[in-house]
Amino acid sequence: MFHVRVNGERPDFRVFIDLLFGAGCNVDSDGDARSPSARDWAWLYLREREERSAAVEIQACADDPGLFGIHSENPELATLAALYLLHRCGSILTHHGAPLDGATLESMHQRFGAQLARADASHWHRSTTRTPYPTATDR
């Protein structure tokens, strides 16, 4: 299991769909976001429906709401979700309780560079409470 110390607003949860499964995938999702564009969610569940891939769950720890646990039966999906959460709003990433060093993080960034770039380019980053469903062409 991974843990990320989160220091700010989370990305729109739909960015994780683009990250983990690709834009437009048919995904079963659940969580506690009060609106699709919410940035203060504390629980997220995602699972690609057609391929029946392993689910990914991201959840704030009950005793420390700034610490988020990330787990999946698919280690690659868990790693990718944890790395992106760190990249967007975190400060520390641990795996089974041990902080990951700079060399390990760099290796992970290199391995998942294409997926991270896909998520960074996601149009869901432009969602707001006024525009919760921006199109890919909205600027």
Protein backbone atom coordinates (compact mmCIF):
# COMPACT_ATOMS: atom_id res chain seq x y z
CA MET A 1 0.00 0.00 0.00
CA PHE A 2 1.10 3.53 -0.78
CA HIS A 3 0.47 6.64 1.28
CA VAL A 4 0.74 10.24 0.08
CA ARG A 5 0.87 13.30 2.30
CA VAL A 6 -1.55 15.67 0.54
CA ASN A 7 -0.93 19.40 0.97
CA GLY A 8 -3.66 20.95 -1.12
CA GLU A 9 -6.65 20.44 -3.32
CA ARG A 10 -6.86 17.17 -5.16
CA PRO A 11 -7.32 17.11 -8.92
CA ASP A 12 -10.79 16.63 -10.37
CA PHE A 13 -11.30 12.89 -9.80
CA ARG A 14 -11.94 12.37 -13.53
CA VAL A 15 -8.26 13.07 -14.19
CA PHE A 16 -7.54 9.74 -12.52
CA ILE A 17 -9.75 8.02 -15.09
CA ASP A 18 -7.66 9.54 -17.89
CA LEU A 19 -4.48 8.61 -16.01
CA LEU A 20 -5.28 5.02 -15.17
CA PHE A 21 -7.48 3.86 -18.03
CA GLY A 22 -7.41 6.51 -20.77
CA ALA A 23 -9.85 9.24 -21.75
CA GLY A 24 -13.33 8.06 -22.56
CA CYS A 25 -13.08 4.70 -20.80
CA ASN A 26 -16.21 3.24 -19.30
CA VAL A 27 -15.42 3.40 -15.59
CA ASP A 28 -17.35 2.50 -12.47
CA SER A 29 -16.65 5.25 -9.95
CA ASP A 30 -17.68 6.12 -6.44
CA GLY A 31 -16.51 8.53 -3.82
CA ASP A 32 -17.46 11.46 -1.68
CA ALA A 33 -17.04 14.36 -4.13
CA ARG A 34 -20.01 16.70 -3.63
CA SER A 35 -19.89 17.63 -7.32
CA PRO A 36 -18.00 16.25 -10.32
CA SER A 37 -15.48 19.09 -10.24
CA ALA A 38 -14.88 19.02 -6.45
CA ARG A 39 -11.26 19.28 -5.34
CA ASP A 40 -11.81 18.37 -1.69
CA TRP A 41 -12.79 14.72 -2.03
CA ALA A 42 -11.43 12.32 0.57
CA TRP A 43 -12.45 8.99 -0.99
CA LEU A 44 -12.30 7.78 -4.57
CA TYR A 45 -12.98 4.37 -6.12
CA LEU A 46 -12.39 3.60 -9.81
CA ARG A 47 -12.66 0.44 -11.88
CA GLU A 48 -12.66 0.06 -15.65
CA ARG A 49 -15.86 -1.80 -16.59
CA GLU A 50 -15.16 -3.40 -19.95
CA GLU A 51 -11.79 -4.97 -19.16
CA ARG A 52 -12.84 -5.67 -15.55
CA SER A 53 -9.50 -4.39 -14.34
CA ALA A 54 -8.60 -4.21 -10.69
CA ALA A 55 -10.17 -1.37 -8.76
CA VAL A 56 -8.14 1.54 -7.43
CA GLU A 57 -9.12 3.17 -4.17
CA ILE A 58 -7.75 6.40 -2.73
CA GLN A 59 -8.88 7.35 0.76
CA ALA A 60 -7.92 9.79 3.47
CA CYS A 61 -6.87 8.07 6.68
CA ALA A 62 -9.45 8.38 9.44
CA ASP A 63 -6.89 9.43 12.06
CA ASP A 64 -4.94 11.74 9.71
CA PRO A 65 -7.10 13.30 6.95
CA GLY A 66 -4.03 14.77 5.20
CA LEU A 67 -2.62 11.30 4.62
CA PHE A 68 -4.15 9.33 1.75
CA GLY A 69 -3.86 5.59 1.29
CA ILE A 70 -3.80 4.22 -2.24
CA HIS A 71 -4.38 0.56 -2.95
CA SER A 72 -5.25 -1.79 -5.75
CA GLU A 73 -4.81 -5.46 -6.50
CA ASN A 74 -2.92 -4.24 -9.57
CA PRO A 75 0.44 -2.88 -8.31
CA GLU A 76 0.97 -0.81 -11.46
CA LEU A 77 -2.35 1.02 -11.07
CA ALA A 78 -1.66 1.68 -7.38
CA THR A 79 1.81 2.99 -8.17
CA LEU A 80 0.53 5.24 -10.94
CA ALA A 81 -2.31 6.70 -8.83
CA ALA A 82 0.03 7.33 -5.88
CA LEU A 83 2.68 8.93 -8.08
CA TYR A 84 0.17 11.27 -9.70
CA LEU A 85 -1.37 12.29 -6.39
CA LEU A 86 2.13 13.12 -5.16
CA HIS A 87 2.87 14.99 -8.39
CA ARG A 88 -0.25 17.19 -8.20
CA CYS A 89 -0.70 17.92 -4.51
CA GLY A 90 1.57 15.86 -2.29
CA SER A 91 4.87 16.14 -0.50
CA ILE A 92 5.78 12.61 0.65
CA LEU A 93 5.16 9.20 -0.89
CA THR A 94 5.63 6.06 1.17
CA HIS A 95 5.34 2.41 0.24
CA HIS A 96 4.59 0.00 3.07
CA GLY A 97 5.58 2.74 5.52
CA ALA A 98 8.97 3.61 4.01
CA PRO A 99 9.47 6.98 2.26
CA LEU A 100 10.61 6.67 -1.34
CA ASP A 101 13.90 8.37 -2.20
CA GLY A 102 14.58 10.71 -5.10
CA ALA A 103 16.17 8.05 -7.30
CA THR A 104 13.19 5.75 -6.89
CA LEU A 105 10.75 8.56 -7.64
CA GLU A 106 12.73 9.54 -10.74
CA SER A 107 12.66 5.95 -11.96
CA MET A 108 8.90 5.83 -11.42
CA HIS A 109 8.45 9.10 -13.34
CA GLN A 110 10.44 7.70 -16.24
CA ARG A 111 8.50 4.43 -16.26
CA PHE A 112 5.10 6.13 -16.21
CA GLY A 113 5.98 9.27 -18.17
CA ALA A 114 3.39 8.74 -20.91
CA GLN A 115 0.53 8.17 -18.46
CA LEU A 116 1.56 11.14 -16.30
CA ALA A 117 1.71 13.39 -19.38
CA ARG A 118 -1.73 12.13 -20.46
CA ALA A 119 -3.15 13.05 -17.05
CA ASP A 120 -1.44 16.44 -17.01
CA ALA A 121 -3.07 17.19 -20.39
CA SER A 122 -6.53 16.14 -19.21
CA HIS A 123 -9.22 18.73 -19.91
CA TRP A 124 -10.73 17.89 -16.50
CA HIS A 125 -8.10 20.15 -14.92
CA ARG A 126 -10.15 23.04 -16.35
CA SER A 127 -13.36 22.03 -14.57
CA THR A 128 -14.82 24.48 -12.08
CA THR A 129 -18.03 24.75 -10.10
CA ARG A 130 -19.36 27.02 -12.88
CA THR A 131 -18.13 24.70 -15.65
CA PRO A 132 -18.10 21.18 -14.23
CA TYR A 133 -18.08 19.57 -17.70
CA PRO A 134 -15.55 21.41 -19.85
CA THR A 135 -15.03 20.02 -23.32
CA ALA A 136 -11.64 19.06 -24.64
CA THR A 137 -11.67 22.25 -26.72
CA ASP A 138 -12.65 24.69 -23.91
CA ARG A 139 -9.88 27.08 -23.00
